[in-house]
Protein backbone atom coordinates (compact mmCIF):
# COMPACT_ATOMS: atom_id res chain seq x y z
CA MET A 1 -15.78 -32.48 32.67
CA LYS A 2 -14.16 -31.97 36.03
CA THR A 3 -16.24 -30.90 39.02
CA ALA A 4 -14.78 -29.42 42.15
CA ARG A 5 -16.75 -30.20 45.34
CA ARG A 6 -16.42 -27.97 48.37
CA LYS A 7 -17.23 -29.80 51.59
CA PRO A 8 -18.00 -28.10 54.88
CA SER A 9 -16.00 -29.19 57.85
CA PRO A 10 -16.11 -28.15 61.44
CA LEU A 11 -13.61 -25.64 62.71
CA PRO A 12 -10.63 -27.25 64.39
CA ALA A 13 -10.75 -27.55 68.09
CA LYS A 14 -9.13 -24.91 70.20
CA THR A 15 -6.34 -27.34 70.85
CA GLY A 16 -6.06 -27.15 67.02
CA GLU A 17 -6.04 -29.59 64.18
CA LEU A 18 -3.36 -27.78 62.22
CA ALA A 19 -2.96 -30.56 59.70
CA ALA A 20 -6.66 -30.49 58.78
CA LEU A 21 -6.58 -26.73 58.38
CA ARG A 22 -3.58 -26.96 56.10
CA SER A 23 -5.38 -29.62 54.05
CA ARG A 24 -8.44 -27.41 53.64
CA LEU A 25 -6.26 -24.45 52.63
CA ALA A 26 -4.40 -26.54 50.07
CA GLU A 27 -7.71 -27.75 48.65
CA ALA A 28 -8.99 -24.18 48.34
CA VAL A 29 -5.81 -23.05 46.61
CA GLU A 30 -6.01 -25.97 44.18
CA THR A 31 -9.67 -25.21 43.45
CA LEU A 32 -8.86 -21.56 42.67
CA ARG A 33 -6.00 -22.61 40.42
CA ALA A 34 -8.23 -25.04 38.52
CA ILE A 35 -10.95 -22.39 38.10
CA ARG A 36 -8.41 -19.85 36.87
CA ASN A 37 -6.93 -22.24 34.30
CA GLY A 38 -10.33 -23.27 32.96
CA GLU A 39 -10.11 -26.84 34.27
CA VAL A 40 -13.37 -26.53 36.23
CA ASP A 41 -16.85 -26.23 34.74
CA THR A 42 -18.88 -26.29 37.97
CA VAL A 43 -18.34 -25.83 41.69
CA VAL A 44 -20.59 -27.71 44.17
CA GLY A 45 -20.90 -26.24 47.63
CA THR A 46 -22.98 -27.14 50.67
CA GLY A 47 -24.60 -24.44 52.69
CA ALA A 48 -27.56 -23.90 55.00
CA GLN A 49 -29.97 -24.68 52.12
CA GLY A 50 -28.17 -27.85 51.10
CA PRO A 51 -25.89 -28.55 48.10
CA GLN A 52 -25.66 -25.75 45.52
CA VAL A 53 -24.16 -25.93 42.02
CA PHE A 54 -22.28 -22.93 40.58
CA THR A 55 -21.75 -23.16 36.79
CA LEU A 56 -18.67 -21.53 35.30
CA LYS A 57 -19.20 -22.77 31.77
CA GLY A 58 -22.20 -20.54 31.03
CA ALA A 59 -20.22 -17.31 30.94
CA GLU A 60 -17.40 -18.69 28.83
CA HIS A 61 -19.35 -20.84 26.39
CA PRO A 62 -20.56 -18.08 23.99
CA TYR A 63 -16.99 -16.82 23.62
CA ARG A 64 -15.68 -20.29 22.84
CA VAL A 65 -18.40 -20.73 20.20
CA LEU A 66 -17.54 -17.31 18.73
CA ILE A 67 -13.80 -18.02 18.55
CA GLU A 68 -14.31 -21.44 17.01
CA SER A 69 -16.77 -20.10 14.41
CA MET A 70 -14.34 -17.40 13.22
CA ASN A 71 -12.90 -17.67 9.71
CA GLU A 72 -9.66 -16.31 11.18
CA GLY A 73 -7.21 -18.14 13.34
CA ALA A 74 -7.10 -17.16 17.01
CA LEU A 75 -4.12 -17.71 19.31
CA THR A 76 -2.94 -16.94 22.80
CA LEU A 77 0.84 -16.89 23.26
CA THR A 78 3.28 -16.43 26.09
CA ALA A 79 5.96 -13.78 25.77
CA ASP A 80 8.36 -16.43 24.45
CA LYS A 81 5.79 -17.30 21.72
CA THR A 82 4.60 -20.61 23.18
CA ILE A 83 1.01 -21.28 22.05
CA LEU A 84 -1.28 -21.53 25.07
CA TYR A 85 -4.47 -21.70 23.04
CA ALA A 86 -5.36 -22.07 19.35
CA ASN A 87 -8.71 -22.46 17.66
CA HIS A 88 -9.49 -24.96 14.92
CA GLY A 89 -9.30 -22.19 12.31
CA PHE A 90 -5.58 -21.75 12.92
CA ALA A 91 -5.03 -25.51 12.98
CA ARG A 92 -6.61 -25.74 9.53
CA MET A 93 -4.38 -22.93 8.26
CA VAL A 94 -1.19 -24.72 9.28
CA ARG A 95 -2.62 -28.16 8.38
CA CYS A 96 -1.68 -29.54 11.74
CA PRO A 97 -3.77 -31.38 14.40
CA LEU A 98 -4.92 -28.99 17.11
CA GLU A 99 -3.35 -31.05 19.87
CA GLN A 100 0.04 -30.68 18.17
CA VAL A 101 -0.38 -26.91 17.79
CA THR A 102 -1.18 -26.17 21.43
CA GLY A 103 1.95 -26.11 23.54
CA SER A 104 4.31 -25.70 20.57
CA SER A 105 6.16 -22.56 19.57
CA PHE A 106 4.51 -20.17 17.14
CA ARG A 107 7.92 -19.66 15.54
CA ARG A 108 7.81 -23.16 14.05
CA PHE A 109 5.19 -21.86 11.61
CA LEU A 110 7.29 -18.87 10.42
CA SER A 111 10.28 -18.45 8.13
CA MET A 112 13.53 -17.10 9.57
CA GLU A 113 12.87 -13.70 7.95
CA ASP A 114 9.39 -13.42 9.46
CA ARG A 115 10.66 -14.50 12.87
CA THR A 116 13.02 -11.53 12.81
CA SER A 117 10.17 -9.17 11.85
CA LEU A 118 7.89 -10.54 14.56
CA ARG A 119 10.29 -10.01 17.44
CA PRO A 120 10.10 -6.17 17.66
CA LEU A 121 6.36 -6.19 17.01
CA MET A 122 5.77 -8.46 19.99
CA LYS A 123 7.43 -5.77 22.12
CA GLN A 124 5.32 -3.01 20.58
CA ALA A 125 2.09 -4.92 21.18
CA ALA A 126 2.02 -3.94 24.86
CA ALA A 127 1.65 -0.27 23.96
CA THR A 128 -0.36 0.03 20.75
CA GLY A 129 -0.89 -3.38 19.20
CA ALA A 130 0.61 -4.24 15.85
CA LYS A 131 -0.13 -5.82 12.47
CA LEU A 132 2.22 -7.68 10.18
CA LEU A 133 2.02 -9.51 6.86
CA VAL A 134 3.85 -12.84 6.98
CA HIS A 135 3.77 -16.29 5.42
CA LEU A 136 2.77 -19.24 7.58
CA ILE A 137 4.73 -22.41 6.94
CA ALA A 138 2.18 -25.22 7.08
CA ASN A 139 2.92 -28.73 8.30
CA ASP A 140 3.22 -29.96 4.70
CA GLY A 141 5.71 -27.20 3.79
CA SER A 142 3.25 -24.99 1.89
CA ARG A 143 3.24 -21.23 2.45
CA LEU A 144 0.11 -19.24 3.29
CA PRO A 145 0.05 -15.40 3.15
CA VAL A 146 -1.60 -14.06 6.31
CA GLN A 147 -1.98 -10.87 8.32
CA ILE A 148 -1.46 -11.20 12.05
CA SER A 149 -2.88 -8.71 14.55
CA ILE A 150 -1.09 -8.70 17.90
CA GLN A 151 -2.30 -7.34 21.23
CA GLU A 152 -1.18 -7.90 24.81
CA ILE A 153 -3.71 -9.43 27.19
CA ALA A 154 -4.00 -7.78 30.59
CA LYS A 155 -1.89 -9.44 33.27
CA VAL A 156 -3.65 -11.59 35.84
CA GLY A 157 -1.98 -11.58 39.22
CA PHE A 158 1.70 -12.29 38.90
CA GLU A 159 1.42 -14.56 35.88
CA ARG A 160 3.57 -14.02 32.81
CA ILE A 161 2.49 -11.70 30.02
CA THR A 162 0.31 -13.33 27.38
CA ILE A 163 -0.32 -12.15 23.82
CA SER A 164 -3.49 -12.52 21.80
CA MET A 165 -3.18 -12.92 18.06
CA VAL A 166 -5.72 -13.00 15.22
CA VAL A 167 -4.48 -14.58 11.98
CA THR A 168 -6.29 -13.67 8.74
CA ASP A 169 -5.84 -15.64 5.52
CA MET A 170 -4.84 -13.15 2.80
CA THR A 171 -4.92 -15.61 -0.13
CA GLU A 172 -8.17 -14.28 -1.57
CA SER A 173 -7.15 -10.68 -0.95
CA ARG A 174 -3.82 -11.24 -2.72
CA ARG A 175 -5.63 -12.89 -5.61
CA ASN A 176 -8.02 -9.95 -5.94
CA GLU A 177 -5.10 -7.51 -5.78
CA ALA A 178 -3.34 -9.41 -8.56
CA LEU A 179 -6.49 -9.37 -10.71
CA LEU A 180 -6.95 -5.64 -10.08
CA ARG A 181 -3.31 -4.99 -10.92
CA ALA A 182 -3.61 -7.00 -14.14
CA LEU A 183 -6.75 -5.06 -15.05
CA THR A 184 -4.98 -1.76 -14.37
CA HIS A 185 -2.06 -2.84 -16.53
CA ARG A 186 -4.45 -3.76 -19.30
CA VAL A 187 -6.14 -0.34 -19.05
CA VAL A 188 -2.72 1.34 -19.36
CA GLN A 189 -1.93 -0.76 -22.45
CA VAL A 190 -5.26 0.06 -24.09
CA GLN A 191 -4.85 3.73 -23.19
CA GLU A 192 -1.38 3.90 -24.76
CA ALA A 193 -2.61 2.10 -27.88
CA GLU A 194 -5.48 4.57 -28.24
CA ARG A 195 -3.14 7.50 -27.65
CA GLY A 196 -0.85 6.17 -30.36
CA ARG A 197 -3.76 5.87 -32.79
CA VAL A 198 -4.97 9.43 -32.11
CA ALA A 199 -1.41 10.79 -32.34
CA LEU A 200 -0.97 9.13 -35.73
CA GLU A 201 -4.25 10.59 -36.98
CA LEU A 202 -3.25 14.07 -35.82
CA HIS A 203 0.19 13.82 -37.39
CA ASP A 204 -0.82 12.28 -40.69
CA ASN A 205 -4.06 14.16 -41.29
CA VAL A 206 -4.67 17.27 -39.18
CA THR A 207 -1.05 18.49 -39.06
CA GLN A 208 -0.58 17.91 -42.78
CA SER A 209 -3.76 19.83 -43.59
CA LEU A 210 -2.74 22.70 -41.34
CA CYS A 211 0.70 22.87 -42.94
CA ALA A 212 -0.92 23.04 -46.37
CA ALA A 213 -3.15 25.87 -45.16
CA VAL A 214 -0.09 27.72 -43.86
CA PHE A 215 1.55 27.54 -47.30
CA LEU A 216 -1.62 28.79 -48.95
CA GLY A 217 -1.82 31.65 -46.46
CA GLN A 218 1.79 32.55 -47.21
CA ALA A 219 1.13 32.45 -50.93
CA LEU A 220 -1.93 34.67 -50.52
CA ALA A 221 -0.02 37.19 -48.42
CA THR A 222 2.77 37.27 -51.03
CA GLU A 223 0.41 37.86 -53.96
CA LEU A 224 -1.40 40.72 -52.29
CA SER A 225 0.16 44.04 -53.18
CA THR A 226 1.13 46.76 -50.77
CA HIS A 227 -2.00 48.63 -51.85
CA ASP A 228 -4.17 45.97 -50.19
CA GLY A 229 -2.81 46.89 -46.77
CA PRO A 230 -5.65 45.77 -44.44
CA ILE A 231 -6.37 42.61 -46.46
CA LYS A 232 -2.70 41.66 -46.55
CA LYS A 233 -2.41 42.15 -42.80
CA GLN A 234 -5.36 39.81 -42.31
CA ALA A 235 -3.76 37.23 -44.60
CA VAL A 236 -0.50 37.39 -42.65
CA ALA A 237 -2.38 37.10 -39.35
CA LEU A 238 -4.28 34.09 -40.69
CA ARG A 239 -1.02 32.48 -41.83
CA ASP A 240 0.56 33.01 -38.38
CA MET A 241 -2.52 31.65 -36.63
CA LEU A 242 -2.51 28.52 -38.78
CA SER A 243 1.21 28.08 -38.17
CA GLN A 244 0.74 28.34 -34.39
CA THR A 245 -2.17 25.90 -34.51
CA ALA A 246 -0.06 23.41 -36.48
CA LYS A 247 2.69 23.63 -33.86
CA GLU A 248 0.17 23.10 -31.04
CA VAL A 249 -1.35 20.06 -32.76
CA GLU A 250 2.13 18.67 -33.30
CA ARG A 251 2.88 19.17 -29.59
CA ILE A 252 -0.31 17.36 -28.59
CA SER A 253 0.54 14.54 -30.99
CA ARG A 254 4.03 14.28 -29.54
CA ASP A 255 2.67 14.21 -25.97
CA LEU A 256 0.15 11.54 -26.86
CA ARG A 257 2.87 9.27 -28.22
CA PRO A 258 6.48 10.45 -27.78
CA SER A 259 7.84 8.40 -30.69
CA VAL A 260 11.14 10.26 -30.36
CA LEU A 261 11.82 8.03 -27.34
CA ASP A 262 12.81 5.31 -29.77
CA HIS A 263 15.02 7.63 -31.80
CA LEU A 264 16.48 10.27 -29.45
CA GLY A 265 16.39 8.40 -26.13
CA LEU A 266 14.99 9.04 -22.68
CA ASP A 267 17.37 11.89 -21.81
CA ALA A 268 16.41 14.00 -24.83
CA VAL A 269 12.67 13.50 -24.35
CA LEU A 270 12.77 14.41 -20.65
CA ARG A 271 14.79 17.53 -21.42
CA ALA A 272 12.35 18.52 -24.17
CA THR A 273 9.44 18.06 -21.76
CA CYS A 274 11.14 20.29 -19.18
CA THR A 275 11.99 22.97 -21.75
CA GLU A 276 8.42 22.99 -23.02
CA PHE A 277 7.13 23.35 -19.42
CA THR A 278 9.30 26.42 -18.81
CA GLU A 279 8.34 28.02 -22.13
CA ARG A 280 4.64 27.45 -21.45
CA THR A 281 4.52 28.50 -17.78
CA GLY A 282 7.54 30.77 -17.30
CA VAL A 283 8.57 28.76 -14.21
CA PRO A 284 12.36 28.17 -14.09
CA LEU A 285 13.33 24.47 -14.10
CA THR A 286 16.71 22.89 -13.35
CA MET A 287 17.33 19.41 -14.71
CA VAL A 288 20.10 17.03 -13.68
CA CYS A 289 20.15 13.97 -15.90
CA ARG A 290 22.60 11.12 -15.53
CA PRO A 291 20.95 8.40 -17.63
CA PRO A 292 21.63 4.76 -16.68
CA THR A 293 24.27 2.85 -18.59
CA VAL A 294 21.81 -0.02 -19.05
CA ARG A 295 19.27 0.97 -21.68
CA PRO A 296 15.82 0.69 -20.07
CA THR A 297 12.99 -1.13 -21.79
CA ALA A 298 10.45 0.81 -23.84
CA ASP A 299 7.85 0.40 -21.07
CA ILE A 300 10.17 1.92 -18.45
CA LYS A 301 11.10 4.86 -20.67
CA LEU A 302 7.45 5.55 -21.46
CA ALA A 303 6.47 5.28 -17.76
CA LEU A 304 9.14 7.81 -16.73
CA CYS A 305 8.12 10.16 -19.52
CA ARG A 306 4.42 9.98 -18.56
CA ILE A 307 5.12 10.43 -14.85
CA LEU A 308 7.20 13.55 -15.54
CA GLN A 309 4.46 14.97 -17.78
CA ASP A 310 1.79 14.38 -15.12
CA ALA A 311 3.98 15.74 -12.30
CA LEU A 312 4.74 18.96 -14.20
CA ARG A 313 1.06 19.29 -15.07
CA ASN A 314 0.22 19.09 -11.35
CA VAL A 315 2.85 21.75 -10.61
CA GLU A 316 1.34 24.00 -13.25
CA GLN A 317 -2.24 23.55 -12.03
CA HIS A 318 -1.85 23.39 -8.24
CA ALA A 319 1.61 24.28 -6.88
CA ARG A 320 2.12 27.97 -7.75
CA ALA A 321 5.84 27.15 -7.61
CA ARG A 322 8.68 29.57 -8.27
CA HIS A 323 11.20 26.87 -9.19
CA VAL A 324 11.21 23.18 -10.11
CA THR A 325 14.05 20.64 -10.03
CA VAL A 326 14.06 17.38 -12.01
CA GLN A 327 16.72 14.73 -11.44
CA LEU A 328 17.25 11.40 -13.21
CA VAL A 329 19.97 9.15 -11.77
CA LYS A 330 20.89 5.49 -11.56
CA GLN A 331 21.18 3.93 -8.09
CA ALA A 332 22.39 0.34 -7.88
CA ALA A 333 19.94 -1.66 -10.00
CA PHE A 334 17.34 1.12 -10.01
CA VAL A 335 16.67 4.23 -12.01
CA GLN A 336 15.32 7.11 -9.90
CA LEU A 337 13.36 10.12 -11.12
CA THR A 338 12.79 12.97 -8.62
CA ILE A 339 10.61 16.02 -9.22
CA LYS A 340 10.73 18.78 -6.57
CA ASP A 341 8.98 22.13 -6.40
CA ASP A 342 8.88 24.98 -3.88
CA GLY A 343 5.15 25.53 -4.22
CA THR A 344 2.24 25.56 -1.79
CA GLY A 345 2.34 21.85 -1.01
CA PHE A 346 -0.64 19.74 -0.01
CA ASP A 347 -1.74 16.87 2.23
CA PRO A 348 -0.71 13.64 0.44
CA ASP A 349 -3.44 11.73 2.32
CA LYS A 350 -6.14 13.89 0.72
CA PRO A 351 -6.85 13.86 -3.02
CA LEU A 352 -6.12 16.96 -5.06
CA THR A 353 -9.08 18.73 -6.62
CA GLY A 354 -9.18 20.75 -9.80
CA LYS A 355 -10.78 24.13 -10.41
CA ASN A 356 -14.11 22.42 -11.10
CA GLY A 357 -14.01 20.73 -7.68
CA LYS A 358 -13.50 17.25 -9.14
CA THR A 359 -10.80 14.93 -7.84
CA ASP A 360 -7.54 15.13 -9.76
CA LEU A 361 -6.43 11.59 -10.61
CA GLY A 362 -2.90 12.59 -11.60
CA LEU A 363 -1.15 11.09 -8.56
CA ILE A 364 -3.16 7.88 -8.83
CA GLY A 365 -2.20 7.58 -12.50
CA MET A 366 1.49 8.18 -11.74
CA ARG A 367 1.45 5.50 -9.06
CA GLU A 368 -0.21 3.01 -11.39
CA ARG A 369 2.36 3.69 -14.10
CA ALA A 370 5.22 3.12 -11.64
CA THR A 371 3.60 -0.10 -10.42
CA TYR A 372 3.05 -1.25 -13.99
CA VAL A 373 6.82 -1.47 -14.56
CA GLY A 374 7.55 -2.89 -11.08
CA GLY A 375 8.49 0.40 -9.46
CA THR A 376 7.33 2.55 -6.55
CA LEU A 377 6.28 6.18 -6.26
CA THR A 378 6.61 8.18 -3.04
CA VAL A 379 5.10 11.61 -2.43
CA LYS A 380 6.35 13.95 0.30
CA SER A 381 4.63 17.28 0.70
CA VAL A 382 4.22 19.93 3.39
CA ARG A 383 1.90 22.90 3.30
CA ARG A 384 3.75 26.00 2.03
CA ALA A 385 6.98 23.97 1.84
CA GLY A 386 6.74 22.33 -1.57
CA THR A 387 6.40 18.78 -2.88
CA SER A 388 8.83 15.99 -3.77
CA ILE A 389 7.91 13.00 -5.95
CA ASP A 390 10.39 10.10 -6.03
CA VAL A 391 10.05 7.26 -8.53
CA ARG A 392 12.22 4.14 -8.26
CA ILE A 393 12.04 1.54 -11.00
CA PRO A 394 14.20 -1.59 -11.21
CA LEU A 395 16.21 -1.63 -14.42
CA ARG A 396 15.57 -4.29 -16.99
CA ALA A 397 17.74 -4.22 -20.10
CA ALA A 398 15.93 -3.67 -23.38
CA LEU A 399 16.00 -6.59 -25.78
């Protein structure tokens, strides 16, 4: 601990002791510099009541304890990214002795890619602060995923700008995200398996029984003579009703598990989905389909089919659109599906609600399906100006 002692001295004589005055001034300047840089814990001065001790440590000590007890790393940098201060939490993150961290460049702990990303954010920090996900390169070469929060510290006098930085270890967060993603993927797999089972039951049992009832209704209508007018009309109506029900059950079965994907291909199934939407709702739909030359895997084809089904269902329930456009194209190593409508639009940051007031999980489900196959889903919507949903999925050839 360094202590600065301020000694009283008599004023120089009128004839002047210029050298002594300069010495006292230099001492005062040095004392202020030491106080400002944190090199002084106490100042001892002598006044009319004798020596007095002024403690500087008391005000700073709680903050030092707080910073050192943080689970995050804490840094103070110059504008050129030289580390002026680092707590022990950051030193543990980079597996480097604290004395070797302080005074070094923060860039030594970043990859070349992250250094490039950090440069513009350091400039933005003066205005609004900034956050960035990077990987710290530890002293032993290991990589640690972290989030850094950057903020400029107010200037003191004419000193150079300094930057404060809080570094948060994201390892546990990334692990939890991976577990959640794996759980979501498992839910999708179980859901598709259950849909397939129900679809098979509908096709093999319910649809077959309905078809048999249709034939019986037709036979009954044929046997009835023209003299049984009202009864024959009822028999014909029953036959038509059973026939329509059989078609509806077959449609539900096909939607639950579009097995024709394996036989007719993605293009045909998407077109059939669009045609069915127009027939059911009366909303005109234009489809542009340029299927990729690389045959996508079964998972990708199913994801695109499900996303289109959910998107058109949202249009039907919420958009009040007059026209819909669906486009499937290949871009570089990606396949892109775009669904646009000219409907009422909505706020993408707020969840959609159904007629019963409950949250509609359609968009969440679409996003999860895109993520499941390694893709992304982007929603752009403006009130009274329609909605656009863009899905980009990297192509993987089917085995």
